[in-house]
């Protein structure tokens, strides 16, 4: 069967060129592969920013996981650092151990700090402000793993009818028994508009009721006109 083509006119300079383009059937498109929302990827280093409140000095510390770095009197230890994998919103979290040697009365800080939500956990020191910036280094445990495989949806009735330039015949929506559903009543069997009585209805108005034969009394005079 020869395909019907849909003409597309392309203007090339001052002359128009007519190129036939075959109609294509609808194809299901698979959604992008996404990691689950609770997925984290471990990394071997943590990038921590330390602010000295006395002089406003900022220091970026790159601390390996399992190691410790010092900034003035502050000791920064990192036990773990995890980051969001690709396809998820950027975020990082580090499990820190913070201790100020100049303030022995203050207990050390042990807990998680998040880069995008720093207010969840803060280091309550009057001298230092500590924030997690990101994770760095090579991937470690926990591993995010490969992206899940997403299958393209299969579209029902994706063929293009002949009237639209394809090869598929036009099909009407089927009934419950599988046959075609008529879009209009059969002209050979018209639908009756009123119950059949065996005789054609008359369009003439009904005759008025017959009088009983007694004359009507004369009208009485209006006293206001006398």
N, C-alpha and C. Protein backbone atom coordinates (compact mmCIF):
# COMPACT_ATOMS: atom_id res chain seq x y z
N UNK A 1 0.85 -1.19 0.00
CA UNK A 1 0.00 0.00 0.00
C UNK A 1 0.89 1.24 0.00
N UNK A 2 0.57 2.15 -0.88
CA UNK A 2 1.37 3.36 -0.94
C UNK A 2 1.00 4.30 0.20
N UNK A 3 2.02 4.91 0.77
CA UNK A 3 1.78 5.84 1.87
C UNK A 3 1.32 7.18 1.32
N UNK A 4 0.43 7.79 2.05
CA UNK A 4 0.06 9.17 1.74
C UNK A 4 1.02 10.09 2.47
N UNK A 5 1.31 11.19 1.86
CA UNK A 5 2.29 12.11 2.41
C UNK A 5 1.63 13.43 2.75
N UNK A 6 2.17 14.05 3.76
CA UNK A 6 1.72 15.38 4.16
C UNK A 6 2.74 16.38 3.65
N UNK A 7 2.30 17.31 2.83
CA UNK A 7 3.24 18.24 2.22
C UNK A 7 3.65 19.33 3.18
N UNK A 8 4.94 19.64 3.21
CA UNK A 8 5.48 20.72 4.03
C UNK A 8 6.25 21.63 3.11
N UNK A 9 5.87 22.89 3.01
CA UNK A 9 6.53 23.85 2.13
C UNK A 9 7.68 24.50 2.86
N UNK A 10 8.88 24.43 2.27
CA UNK A 10 10.06 25.06 2.83
C UNK A 10 10.48 26.18 1.89
N UNK A 11 10.64 27.37 2.41
CA UNK A 11 11.05 28.51 1.61
C UNK A 11 12.55 28.57 1.53
N UNK A 12 13.09 28.49 0.33
CA UNK A 12 14.53 28.57 0.11
C UNK A 12 14.78 29.80 -0.75
N UNK A 13 15.22 30.89 -0.16
CA UNK A 13 15.43 32.11 -0.90
C UNK A 13 14.11 32.70 -1.33
N UNK A 14 13.99 32.96 -2.62
CA UNK A 14 12.75 33.53 -3.14
C UNK A 14 11.79 32.48 -3.65
N UNK A 15 12.26 31.22 -3.82
CA UNK A 15 11.41 30.17 -4.38
C UNK A 15 10.98 29.23 -3.27
N UNK A 16 9.76 28.69 -3.38
CA UNK A 16 9.25 27.73 -2.42
C UNK A 16 9.46 26.31 -2.91
N UNK A 17 9.99 25.44 -2.07
CA UNK A 17 10.25 24.06 -2.41
C UNK A 17 9.29 23.20 -1.63
N UNK A 18 8.59 22.30 -2.28
CA UNK A 18 7.59 21.43 -1.64
C UNK A 18 8.21 20.06 -1.42
N UNK A 19 8.36 19.67 -0.14
CA UNK A 19 8.97 18.39 0.20
C UNK A 19 7.93 17.51 0.88
N UNK A 20 7.71 16.28 0.39
CA UNK A 20 6.76 15.38 1.07
C UNK A 20 7.36 14.79 2.33
N UNK A 21 6.59 14.79 3.40
CA UNK A 21 7.01 14.23 4.69
C UNK A 21 6.00 13.20 5.12
N UNK A 22 6.45 11.98 5.37
CA UNK A 22 5.54 10.91 5.75
C UNK A 22 5.06 11.11 7.18
N UNK A 23 3.78 10.83 7.42
CA UNK A 23 3.23 10.92 8.77
C UNK A 23 3.78 9.80 9.63
N UNK A 24 4.18 10.11 10.84
CA UNK A 24 4.75 9.15 11.76
C UNK A 24 3.75 8.78 12.85
N UNK A 25 3.81 7.53 13.27
CA UNK A 25 2.94 7.07 14.34
C UNK A 25 3.42 7.61 15.68
N UNK A 26 2.50 7.73 16.63
CA UNK A 26 2.85 8.21 17.96
C UNK A 26 3.74 7.20 18.68
N UNK A 27 4.76 7.68 19.35
CA UNK A 27 5.72 6.84 20.05
C UNK A 27 5.76 7.26 21.51
N UNK A 28 5.69 6.30 22.42
CA UNK A 28 5.76 6.60 23.85
C UNK A 28 7.15 7.03 24.26
N UNK A 29 7.25 8.09 25.06
CA UNK A 29 8.52 8.62 25.52
C UNK A 29 8.70 8.26 26.98
N UNK A 30 9.84 7.66 27.30
CA UNK A 30 10.12 7.25 28.68
C UNK A 30 10.48 8.47 29.52
N UNK A 31 10.00 8.55 30.77
CA UNK A 31 10.39 9.66 31.65
C UNK A 31 11.86 9.56 32.02
N UNK A 32 12.48 10.65 32.43
CA UNK A 32 13.90 10.59 32.80
C UNK A 32 14.13 9.72 34.02
N UNK A 33 15.26 9.04 34.03
CA UNK A 33 15.61 8.18 35.16
C UNK A 33 15.98 9.04 36.36
N UNK A 34 15.39 8.74 37.53
CA UNK A 34 15.61 9.52 38.74
C UNK A 34 15.98 8.59 39.88
N UNK A 35 16.91 9.06 40.72
CA UNK A 35 17.20 8.34 41.95
C UNK A 35 16.06 8.54 42.95
N UNK A 36 15.82 7.57 43.82
CA UNK A 36 14.83 7.81 44.90
C UNK A 36 15.23 8.99 45.76
N UNK A 37 14.24 9.62 46.37
CA UNK A 37 14.48 10.86 47.13
C UNK A 37 15.39 10.65 48.33
N UNK A 38 15.47 9.43 48.87
CA UNK A 38 16.26 9.18 50.08
C UNK A 38 17.67 8.65 49.76
N UNK A 39 18.17 8.85 48.53
CA UNK A 39 19.46 8.30 48.13
C UNK A 39 20.57 9.29 48.46
N UNK A 40 21.66 8.78 49.06
CA UNK A 40 22.84 9.58 49.38
C UNK A 40 24.08 8.83 48.87
N UNK A 41 25.09 9.59 48.46
CA UNK A 41 26.36 9.02 47.99
C UNK A 41 27.47 9.49 48.92
N UNK A 42 28.22 8.53 49.49
CA UNK A 42 29.33 8.88 50.37
C UNK A 42 30.54 9.36 49.58
N UNK A 43 31.31 10.27 50.20
CA UNK A 43 32.55 10.76 49.60
C UNK A 43 33.63 10.81 50.68
N UNK A 44 34.87 10.93 50.21
CA UNK A 44 36.02 10.74 51.11
C UNK A 44 36.46 12.01 51.82
N UNK A 45 35.91 13.19 51.46
CA UNK A 45 36.33 14.44 52.09
C UNK A 45 35.12 15.33 52.37
N UNK A 46 35.28 16.21 53.33
CA UNK A 46 34.25 17.19 53.67
C UNK A 46 34.86 18.58 53.61
N UNK A 47 34.15 19.51 53.00
CA UNK A 47 34.57 20.91 52.93
C UNK A 47 33.77 21.69 53.97
N UNK A 48 34.47 22.25 54.95
CA UNK A 48 33.84 22.93 56.09
C UNK A 48 34.32 24.38 56.12
N UNK A 49 33.37 25.29 56.34
CA UNK A 49 33.70 26.71 56.45
C UNK A 49 33.61 27.12 57.92
N UNK A 50 34.68 27.79 58.39
CA UNK A 50 34.75 28.25 59.78
C UNK A 50 34.86 29.78 59.77
N UNK A 51 34.00 30.42 60.55
CA UNK A 51 34.01 31.88 60.69
C UNK A 51 34.45 32.24 62.09
N UNK A 52 35.47 33.11 62.19
CA UNK A 52 35.89 33.66 63.48
C UNK A 52 35.09 34.93 63.72
N UNK A 53 34.25 34.92 64.74
CA UNK A 53 33.36 36.04 64.99
C UNK A 53 34.10 37.29 65.47
N UNK A 54 35.31 37.15 65.98
CA UNK A 54 36.03 38.31 66.51
C UNK A 54 36.54 39.22 65.39
N UNK A 55 37.15 38.65 64.36
CA UNK A 55 37.70 39.46 63.28
C UNK A 55 37.03 39.22 61.93
N UNK A 56 36.01 38.32 61.87
CA UNK A 56 35.29 38.08 60.63
C UNK A 56 36.08 37.28 59.61
N UNK A 57 37.11 36.58 60.03
CA UNK A 57 37.92 35.81 59.09
C UNK A 57 37.22 34.49 58.75
N UNK A 58 37.22 34.16 57.44
CA UNK A 58 36.63 32.92 56.96
C UNK A 58 37.75 31.98 56.53
N UNK A 59 37.56 30.71 56.86
CA UNK A 59 38.54 29.69 56.50
C UNK A 59 37.79 28.46 55.98
N UNK A 60 38.22 27.96 54.80
CA UNK A 60 37.68 26.74 54.24
C UNK A 60 38.63 25.60 54.54
N UNK A 61 38.10 24.58 55.20
CA UNK A 61 38.90 23.42 55.58
C UNK A 61 38.41 22.21 54.79
N UNK A 62 39.34 21.51 54.14
CA UNK A 62 39.03 20.24 53.47
C UNK A 62 39.58 19.13 54.35
N UNK A 63 38.65 18.43 55.00
CA UNK A 63 39.03 17.44 56.01
C UNK A 63 38.71 16.05 55.47
N UNK A 64 39.66 15.13 55.48
CA UNK A 64 39.35 13.76 55.04
C UNK A 64 38.46 13.06 56.07
N UNK A 65 37.61 12.14 55.55
CA UNK A 65 36.74 11.37 56.44
C UNK A 65 37.60 10.49 57.33
N UNK A 66 37.35 10.59 58.64
CA UNK A 66 38.16 9.87 59.61
C UNK A 66 39.34 10.68 60.13
N UNK A 67 39.54 11.90 59.61
CA UNK A 67 40.64 12.75 60.03
C UNK A 67 40.18 13.96 60.80
N UNK A 68 41.14 14.81 61.18
CA UNK A 68 40.87 16.00 61.99
C UNK A 68 41.71 17.15 61.46
N UNK A 69 41.13 18.35 61.47
CA UNK A 69 41.83 19.56 61.09
C UNK A 69 41.64 20.59 62.19
N UNK A 70 42.59 21.54 62.29
CA UNK A 70 42.55 22.56 63.35
C UNK A 70 42.53 23.93 62.72
N UNK A 71 41.72 24.80 63.29
CA UNK A 71 41.69 26.22 62.93
C UNK A 71 41.75 27.01 64.23
N UNK A 72 42.93 27.61 64.47
CA UNK A 72 43.18 28.33 65.71
C UNK A 72 42.92 27.40 66.89
N UNK A 73 41.95 27.71 67.74
CA UNK A 73 41.71 26.84 68.89
C UNK A 73 40.60 25.83 68.65
N UNK A 74 40.07 25.76 67.41
CA UNK A 74 38.97 24.86 67.10
C UNK A 74 39.49 23.61 66.42
N UNK A 75 39.06 22.47 66.92
CA UNK A 75 39.39 21.18 66.32
C UNK A 75 38.16 20.66 65.58
N UNK A 76 38.34 20.30 64.29
CA UNK A 76 37.24 19.85 63.43
C UNK A 76 37.53 18.42 63.00
N UNK A 77 36.72 17.49 63.45
CA UNK A 77 36.85 16.09 63.06
C UNK A 77 35.65 15.67 62.21
N UNK A 78 35.91 14.87 61.19
CA UNK A 78 34.87 14.42 60.26
C UNK A 78 34.81 12.90 60.31
N UNK A 79 33.63 12.39 60.59
CA UNK A 79 33.43 10.94 60.62
C UNK A 79 32.75 10.42 59.37
N UNK A 80 31.97 11.25 58.66
CA UNK A 80 31.30 10.84 57.43
C UNK A 80 30.88 12.08 56.67
N UNK A 81 30.78 11.93 55.34
CA UNK A 81 30.29 13.00 54.48
C UNK A 81 29.53 12.36 53.33
N UNK A 82 28.28 12.78 53.16
CA UNK A 82 27.43 12.24 52.11
C UNK A 82 26.86 13.40 51.30
N UNK A 83 26.62 13.14 50.03
CA UNK A 83 26.07 14.15 49.13
C UNK A 83 24.97 13.54 48.29
N UNK A 84 24.14 14.40 47.73
CA UNK A 84 23.06 13.93 46.85
C UNK A 84 23.64 13.55 45.49
N UNK A 85 23.22 12.43 44.92
CA UNK A 85 23.70 12.08 43.58
C UNK A 85 23.02 12.94 42.52
N UNK A 86 23.45 12.74 41.28
CA UNK A 86 22.84 13.47 40.16
C UNK A 86 21.37 13.08 40.05
N UNK A 87 20.61 13.99 39.45
CA UNK A 87 19.15 13.94 39.26
C UNK A 87 18.40 14.34 40.52
N UNK A 88 19.07 14.62 41.64
CA UNK A 88 18.41 15.09 42.86
C UNK A 88 18.91 16.49 43.20
N UNK A 89 18.16 17.18 44.04
CA UNK A 89 18.56 18.52 44.46
C UNK A 89 19.89 18.47 45.20
N UNK A 90 20.75 19.44 44.92
CA UNK A 90 22.09 19.46 45.51
C UNK A 90 22.01 19.67 47.02
N UNK A 91 22.70 18.81 47.75
CA UNK A 91 22.78 18.93 49.20
C UNK A 91 23.94 18.06 49.69
N UNK A 92 24.44 18.36 50.87
CA UNK A 92 25.54 17.60 51.47
C UNK A 92 25.36 17.62 52.97
N UNK A 93 25.83 16.55 53.60
CA UNK A 93 25.77 16.45 55.05
C UNK A 93 27.05 15.82 55.58
N UNK A 94 27.49 16.30 56.72
CA UNK A 94 28.73 15.79 57.33
C UNK A 94 28.48 15.51 58.81
N UNK A 95 29.04 14.40 59.28
CA UNK A 95 29.00 14.05 60.69
C UNK A 95 30.28 14.58 61.32
N UNK A 96 30.14 15.64 62.14
CA UNK A 96 31.28 16.39 62.65
C UNK A 96 31.47 16.16 64.14
N UNK A 97 32.73 16.35 64.56
CA UNK A 97 33.10 16.39 65.97
C UNK A 97 33.88 17.68 66.17
N UNK A 98 33.28 18.67 66.88
CA UNK A 98 33.87 19.99 67.06
C UNK A 98 34.21 20.21 68.53
N UNK A 99 35.42 20.75 68.76
CA UNK A 99 35.88 21.00 70.14
C UNK A 99 36.74 22.26 70.16
N UNK A 100 36.36 23.23 71.03
CA UNK A 100 37.12 24.46 71.20
C UNK A 100 38.00 24.30 72.43
N UNK A 101 39.31 24.25 72.21
CA UNK A 101 40.24 24.04 73.33
C UNK A 101 40.36 25.26 74.23
N UNK A 102 39.96 26.45 73.72
CA UNK A 102 40.01 27.65 74.55
C UNK A 102 38.79 27.78 75.44
N UNK A 103 37.82 26.93 75.29
CA UNK A 103 36.60 26.98 76.09
C UNK A 103 36.31 25.57 76.61
N UNK A 104 37.06 25.12 77.65
CA UNK A 104 36.88 23.74 78.12
C UNK A 104 35.52 23.50 78.78
N UNK A 105 34.84 24.56 79.20
CA UNK A 105 33.54 24.37 79.84
C UNK A 105 32.43 24.00 78.84
N UNK A 106 32.66 24.29 77.57
CA UNK A 106 31.63 24.02 76.56
C UNK A 106 31.78 22.58 76.07
N UNK A 107 30.72 21.80 76.09
CA UNK A 107 30.83 20.42 75.62
C UNK A 107 31.07 20.38 74.12
N UNK A 108 31.73 19.35 73.61
CA UNK A 108 31.96 19.24 72.16
C UNK A 108 30.66 18.98 71.43
N UNK A 109 30.70 19.30 70.17
CA UNK A 109 29.54 19.08 69.29
C UNK A 109 29.75 17.79 68.52
N UNK A 110 28.79 16.91 68.56
CA UNK A 110 28.82 15.67 67.80
C UNK A 110 27.46 15.52 67.11
N UNK A 111 27.46 15.59 65.79
CA UNK A 111 26.19 15.45 65.07
C UNK A 111 26.34 15.80 63.60
N UNK A 112 25.21 15.67 62.89
CA UNK A 112 25.17 15.95 61.47
C UNK A 112 24.87 17.42 61.23
N UNK A 113 25.55 17.99 60.22
CA UNK A 113 25.25 19.32 59.72
C UNK A 113 24.95 19.21 58.22
N UNK A 114 23.90 19.92 57.78
CA UNK A 114 23.48 19.90 56.38
C UNK A 114 23.82 21.23 55.72
N UNK A 115 24.29 21.13 54.45
CA UNK A 115 24.69 22.34 53.75
C UNK A 115 23.49 23.22 53.41
N UNK A 116 22.39 22.63 52.95
CA UNK A 116 21.23 23.40 52.53
C UNK A 116 20.28 23.74 53.69
N UNK A 117 20.46 23.12 54.82
CA UNK A 117 19.62 23.40 55.99
C UNK A 117 20.51 23.57 57.21
N UNK A 118 21.27 24.66 57.28
CA UNK A 118 22.21 24.84 58.40
C UNK A 118 21.53 25.07 59.75
N UNK A 119 20.26 25.49 59.73
CA UNK A 119 19.59 25.76 61.01
C UNK A 119 19.17 24.49 61.73
N UNK A 120 19.22 23.32 61.05
CA UNK A 120 18.83 22.08 61.71
C UNK A 120 19.79 21.77 62.86
N UNK A 121 21.09 21.97 62.65
CA UNK A 121 22.09 21.72 63.70
C UNK A 121 23.17 22.78 63.59
N UNK A 122 23.44 23.48 64.69
CA UNK A 122 24.46 24.53 64.71
C UNK A 122 25.40 24.31 65.88
N UNK A 123 26.59 24.86 65.74
CA UNK A 123 27.58 24.79 66.82
C UNK A 123 27.42 26.04 67.68
N UNK A 124 26.97 25.87 68.92
CA UNK A 124 26.66 27.00 69.79
C UNK A 124 27.87 27.57 70.47
N UNK A 125 28.80 28.07 69.67
CA UNK A 125 30.00 28.69 70.24
C UNK A 125 29.93 30.20 70.03
N UNK A 126 30.27 31.00 71.06
CA UNK A 126 30.27 32.45 70.88
C UNK A 126 31.43 32.94 70.03
N UNK A 127 32.42 32.07 69.74
CA UNK A 127 33.61 32.49 69.01
C UNK A 127 33.62 32.02 67.56
N UNK A 128 33.14 30.80 67.31
CA UNK A 128 33.24 30.22 65.96
C UNK A 128 31.85 29.86 65.44
N UNK A 129 31.71 30.06 64.12
CA UNK A 129 30.53 29.60 63.40
C UNK A 129 31.00 28.59 62.36
N UNK A 130 30.42 27.40 62.36
CA UNK A 130 30.86 26.31 61.50
C UNK A 130 29.70 25.93 60.57
N UNK A 131 30.01 25.83 59.28
CA UNK A 131 29.02 25.42 58.29
C UNK A 131 29.63 24.39 57.35
N UNK A 132 28.80 23.44 56.90
CA UNK A 132 29.21 22.47 55.90
C UNK A 132 28.96 23.07 54.52
N UNK A 133 29.96 23.01 53.64
CA UNK A 133 29.84 23.55 52.29
C UNK A 133 29.49 22.46 51.29
N UNK A 134 30.26 21.39 51.26
CA UNK A 134 30.03 20.31 50.30
C UNK A 134 30.91 19.13 50.69
N UNK A 135 30.80 18.08 49.87
CA UNK A 135 31.67 16.92 50.00
C UNK A 135 32.59 16.88 48.78
N UNK A 136 33.75 16.27 48.94
CA UNK A 136 34.73 16.19 47.87
C UNK A 136 35.42 14.83 47.94
N UNK A 137 36.39 14.65 47.04
CA UNK A 137 37.12 13.40 47.03
C UNK A 137 36.48 12.34 46.15
N UNK A 138 36.80 11.09 46.43
CA UNK A 138 36.32 9.95 45.64
C UNK A 138 35.08 9.37 46.30
N UNK A 139 34.23 8.70 45.51
CA UNK A 139 33.03 8.07 46.10
C UNK A 139 33.39 6.92 47.03
N UNK A 140 32.68 6.87 48.15
CA UNK A 140 32.84 5.79 49.13
C UNK A 140 31.46 5.29 49.51
N UNK A 141 31.43 4.41 50.47
CA UNK A 141 30.14 3.94 50.99
C UNK A 141 29.46 5.06 51.79
N UNK A 142 28.15 5.17 51.71
CA UNK A 142 27.20 4.34 50.93
C UNK A 142 27.21 4.71 49.46
N UNK A 143 26.98 3.72 48.59
CA UNK A 143 26.97 3.92 47.16
C UNK A 143 25.54 4.15 46.68
N UNK A 144 25.40 5.12 45.77
CA UNK A 144 24.07 5.40 45.21
C UNK A 144 23.63 4.31 44.25
N UNK A 145 24.57 3.63 43.60
CA UNK A 145 24.22 2.59 42.67
C UNK A 145 23.80 3.14 41.32
N UNK A 146 23.53 2.26 40.37
CA UNK A 146 23.12 2.73 39.04
C UNK A 146 21.72 3.30 39.06
N UNK A 147 21.44 4.11 38.06
CA UNK A 147 20.11 4.68 37.92
C UNK A 147 19.11 3.58 37.57
N UNK A 148 17.89 3.66 38.08
CA UNK A 148 16.88 2.65 37.72
C UNK A 148 16.54 2.73 36.24
N UNK A 149 16.22 1.58 35.66
CA UNK A 149 15.85 1.51 34.25
C UNK A 149 14.37 1.88 34.11
N UNK A 150 14.12 2.84 33.24
CA UNK A 150 12.75 3.32 33.01
C UNK A 150 12.32 2.86 31.63
N UNK A 151 11.18 2.19 31.55
CA UNK A 151 10.67 1.68 30.28
C UNK A 151 9.73 2.71 29.66
N UNK A 152 9.79 2.77 28.34
CA UNK A 152 8.89 3.67 27.62
C UNK A 152 7.48 3.10 27.63
N UNK A 153 6.46 3.92 27.83
CA UNK A 153 5.08 3.41 27.82
C UNK A 153 4.68 2.98 26.42
N UNK A 154 3.83 1.95 26.36
CA UNK A 154 3.30 1.44 25.10
C UNK A 154 1.95 2.09 24.85
N UNK A 155 1.84 2.80 23.76
CA UNK A 155 0.61 3.51 23.44
C UNK A 155 -0.32 2.59 22.66
N UNK A 156 -1.58 2.53 23.06
CA UNK A 156 -2.57 1.72 22.37
C UNK A 156 -3.12 2.50 21.18
N UNK A 157 -3.19 1.84 20.04
CA UNK A 157 -3.73 2.49 18.84
C UNK A 157 -2.88 3.63 18.38
N UNK A 158 -1.54 3.40 18.30
CA UNK A 158 -0.64 4.48 17.90
C UNK A 158 -0.47 4.58 16.40
N UNK A 159 -1.17 3.72 15.60
CA UNK A 159 -1.04 3.78 14.15
C UNK A 159 -1.77 5.00 13.60
N UNK A 160 -1.23 5.54 12.52
CA UNK A 160 -1.81 6.73 11.89
C UNK A 160 -2.80 6.29 10.83
N UNK A 161 -4.06 6.76 10.85
CA UNK A 161 -5.03 6.37 9.83
C UNK A 161 -4.61 6.85 8.45
N UNK A 162 -5.22 6.22 7.41
CA UNK A 162 -4.90 6.58 6.04
C UNK A 162 -5.31 8.02 5.76
N UNK A 163 -6.44 8.46 6.32
CA UNK A 163 -6.91 9.82 6.09
C UNK A 163 -5.95 10.86 6.63
N UNK A 164 -5.07 10.47 7.57
CA UNK A 164 -4.10 11.41 8.13
C UNK A 164 -2.71 11.19 7.59
N UNK A 165 -2.58 10.34 6.57
CA UNK A 165 -1.28 10.14 5.95
C UNK A 165 -0.60 8.85 6.33
N UNK A 166 -1.23 7.96 7.09
CA UNK A 166 -0.61 6.71 7.49
C UNK A 166 -1.15 5.53 6.74
N UNK A 167 -0.85 4.33 7.26
CA UNK A 167 -1.28 3.09 6.63
C UNK A 167 -2.42 2.41 7.37
N UNK A 168 -2.72 2.82 8.62
CA UNK A 168 -3.73 2.13 9.40
C UNK A 168 -5.12 2.54 8.93
N UNK A 169 -6.05 1.57 8.78
CA UNK A 169 -7.42 1.94 8.39
C UNK A 169 -8.13 2.64 9.53
N UNK A 170 -9.13 3.42 9.13
CA UNK A 170 -9.92 4.13 10.13
C UNK A 170 -10.80 3.13 10.85
N UNK A 171 -10.78 3.16 12.17
CA UNK A 171 -11.59 2.25 12.97
C UNK A 171 -12.47 3.05 13.89
N UNK A 172 -13.72 2.66 13.95
CA UNK A 172 -14.67 3.32 14.84
C UNK A 172 -14.62 2.68 16.20
N UNK A 173 -14.95 3.39 17.25
CA UNK A 173 -14.95 2.79 18.58
C UNK A 173 -15.94 1.65 18.66
N UNK A 174 -15.51 0.54 19.21
CA UNK A 174 -16.33 -0.67 19.27
C UNK A 174 -17.32 -0.63 20.40
N UNK A 175 -18.36 -1.44 20.26
CA UNK A 175 -19.35 -1.57 21.30
C UNK A 175 -18.92 -2.63 22.29
N UNK A 176 -19.79 -2.94 23.23
CA UNK A 176 -19.45 -3.95 24.23
C UNK A 176 -19.31 -5.32 23.61
N UNK A 177 -20.04 -5.60 22.48
CA UNK A 177 -19.95 -6.89 21.80
C UNK A 177 -18.81 -6.95 20.82
N UNK A 178 -18.08 -5.84 20.62
CA UNK A 178 -16.95 -5.83 19.71
C UNK A 178 -17.27 -5.23 18.37
N UNK A 179 -18.54 -4.97 18.03
CA UNK A 179 -18.91 -4.43 16.74
C UNK A 179 -18.86 -2.92 16.73
N UNK A 180 -19.02 -2.32 15.55
CA UNK A 180 -18.99 -0.86 15.46
C UNK A 180 -20.22 -0.23 16.08
N UNK A 181 -20.04 0.93 16.63
CA UNK A 181 -21.15 1.68 17.23
C UNK A 181 -21.67 2.67 16.20
N UNK A 182 -22.98 2.62 15.81
CA UNK A 182 -23.49 3.57 14.82
C UNK A 182 -23.49 4.98 15.38
N UNK A 183 -23.05 5.92 14.54
CA UNK A 183 -23.02 7.32 14.96
C UNK A 183 -24.35 8.02 14.71
N UNK A 184 -25.28 7.41 13.91
CA UNK A 184 -26.59 8.01 13.63
C UNK A 184 -27.60 6.88 13.50
N UNK A 185 -28.87 7.12 13.76
CA UNK A 185 -29.87 6.06 13.61
C UNK A 185 -30.02 5.61 12.17
N UNK A 186 -30.48 4.38 12.00
CA UNK A 186 -30.67 3.80 10.67
C UNK A 186 -31.79 4.55 9.94
N UNK A 187 -31.49 5.00 8.71
CA UNK A 187 -32.50 5.77 7.96
C UNK A 187 -33.66 4.90 7.52
N UNK A 188 -33.46 3.56 7.40
CA UNK A 188 -34.53 2.68 7.00
C UNK A 188 -35.49 2.37 8.16
N UNK A 189 -35.03 2.56 9.38
CA UNK A 189 -35.88 2.32 10.55
C UNK A 189 -35.87 3.58 11.41
N UNK A 190 -36.64 4.60 11.03
CA UNK A 190 -36.61 5.85 11.81
C UNK A 190 -37.18 5.64 13.21
N UNK A 191 -36.71 6.47 14.11
CA UNK A 191 -37.18 6.42 15.49
C UNK A 191 -38.54 7.11 15.57
N UNK A 192 -39.63 6.44 16.08
CA UNK A 192 -40.95 7.10 16.18
C UNK A 192 -40.92 8.19 17.22
N UNK A 193 -41.58 9.30 16.87
CA UNK A 193 -41.65 10.43 17.78
C UNK A 193 -42.83 10.34 18.73
N UNK A 194 -43.81 9.51 18.47
CA UNK A 194 -44.99 9.35 19.31
C UNK A 194 -45.48 7.92 19.17
N UNK A 195 -46.19 7.37 20.15
CA UNK A 195 -46.72 6.00 20.02
C UNK A 195 -47.64 5.89 18.82
N UNK A 196 -47.52 4.79 18.09
CA UNK A 196 -48.34 4.58 16.90
C UNK A 196 -49.76 4.18 17.30
N UNK A 197 -50.79 4.86 16.71
CA UNK A 197 -52.20 4.55 16.99
C UNK A 197 -52.90 3.93 15.81
N UNK A 198 -52.21 3.73 14.70
CA UNK A 198 -52.83 3.16 13.50
C UNK A 198 -53.38 4.19 12.57
N UNK A 199 -53.52 5.46 12.96
CA UNK A 199 -54.06 6.51 12.10
C UNK A 199 -53.17 7.73 12.23
N UNK A 200 -53.09 8.48 11.15
CA UNK A 200 -52.26 9.68 11.17
C UNK A 200 -52.92 10.73 12.05
N UNK A 201 -52.20 11.41 12.88
CA UNK A 201 -52.79 12.44 13.74
C UNK A 201 -53.23 13.64 12.91
N UNK A 202 -54.36 14.27 13.32
CA UNK A 202 -54.90 15.43 12.63
C UNK A 202 -54.28 16.68 13.19
N UNK A 203 -53.95 17.60 12.25
CA UNK A 203 -53.38 18.87 12.66
C UNK A 203 -54.42 19.97 12.82
N UNK A 204 -55.73 19.69 12.51
CA UNK A 204 -56.78 20.71 12.64
C UNK A 204 -57.14 20.89 14.10
N UNK A 205 -57.50 22.13 14.52
CA UNK A 205 -57.88 22.34 15.93
C UNK A 205 -59.19 21.65 16.27
N UNK A 206 -59.38 21.32 17.51
CA UNK A 206 -60.59 20.63 17.95
C UNK A 206 -61.80 21.56 17.84
N UNK A 207 -62.99 20.99 17.51
CA UNK A 207 -64.21 21.79 17.36
C UNK A 207 -64.68 22.25 18.72
N UNK A 208 -65.33 23.45 18.78
CA UNK A 208 -65.82 23.93 20.09
C UNK A 208 -66.98 23.08 20.59
N UNK A 209 -67.14 23.09 21.88
CA UNK A 209 -68.21 22.26 22.49
C UNK A 209 -69.59 22.78 22.07
N UNK A 210 -70.53 21.84 21.84
CA UNK A 210 -71.88 22.20 21.44
C UNK A 210 -72.66 22.73 22.64
N UNK A 211 -73.54 23.79 22.34
CA UNK A 211 -74.36 24.35 23.42
C UNK A 211 -75.56 23.43 23.69
N UNK A 212 -76.18 23.61 24.83
CA UNK A 212 -77.33 22.77 25.22
C UNK A 212 -78.64 23.16 24.54
N UNK A 213 -78.72 24.28 23.75
CA UNK A 213 -79.94 24.70 23.05
C UNK A 213 -80.72 25.77 23.78
N UNK A 214 -80.46 26.09 25.04
CA UNK A 214 -81.17 27.11 25.78
C UNK A 214 -80.54 28.47 25.50
N UNK A 215 -81.41 29.55 25.27
CA UNK A 215 -80.83 30.88 24.98
C UNK A 215 -80.17 31.46 26.24
N UNK A 216 -79.18 32.27 25.98
CA UNK A 216 -78.48 32.93 27.08
C UNK A 216 -79.30 34.11 27.59
N UNK A 217 -79.32 34.41 28.87
CA UNK A 217 -80.07 35.56 29.39
C UNK A 217 -79.47 36.85 28.89
N UNK A 218 -80.35 37.91 28.69
CA UNK A 218 -79.81 39.19 28.20
C UNK A 218 -78.90 39.82 29.24
N UNK A 219 -77.98 40.60 28.80
CA UNK A 219 -77.07 41.25 29.77
C UNK A 219 -77.79 42.31 30.57
N UNK A 220 -77.45 42.42 31.81
CA UNK A 220 -78.06 43.42 32.69
C UNK A 220 -77.39 44.77 32.47
N UNK A 221 -78.23 45.84 32.63
CA UNK A 221 -77.69 47.20 32.42
C UNK A 221 -76.76 47.55 33.56
N UNK A 222 -75.75 48.32 33.20
CA UNK A 222 -74.76 48.77 34.19
C UNK A 222 -75.36 49.99 34.90
N UNK A 223 -75.54 49.96 36.24
CA UNK A 223 -76.15 51.11 36.93
C UNK A 223 -75.32 52.36 36.83
N UNK A 224 -74.03 52.27 36.55
CA UNK A 224 -73.21 53.48 36.46
C UNK A 224 -73.43 54.24 35.17
N UNK A 225 -74.00 53.59 34.16
CA UNK A 225 -74.22 54.27 32.88
C UNK A 225 -75.57 54.90 32.79
N UNK A 226 -76.51 54.64 33.76
CA UNK A 226 -77.84 55.24 33.74
C UNK A 226 -77.81 56.69 34.18
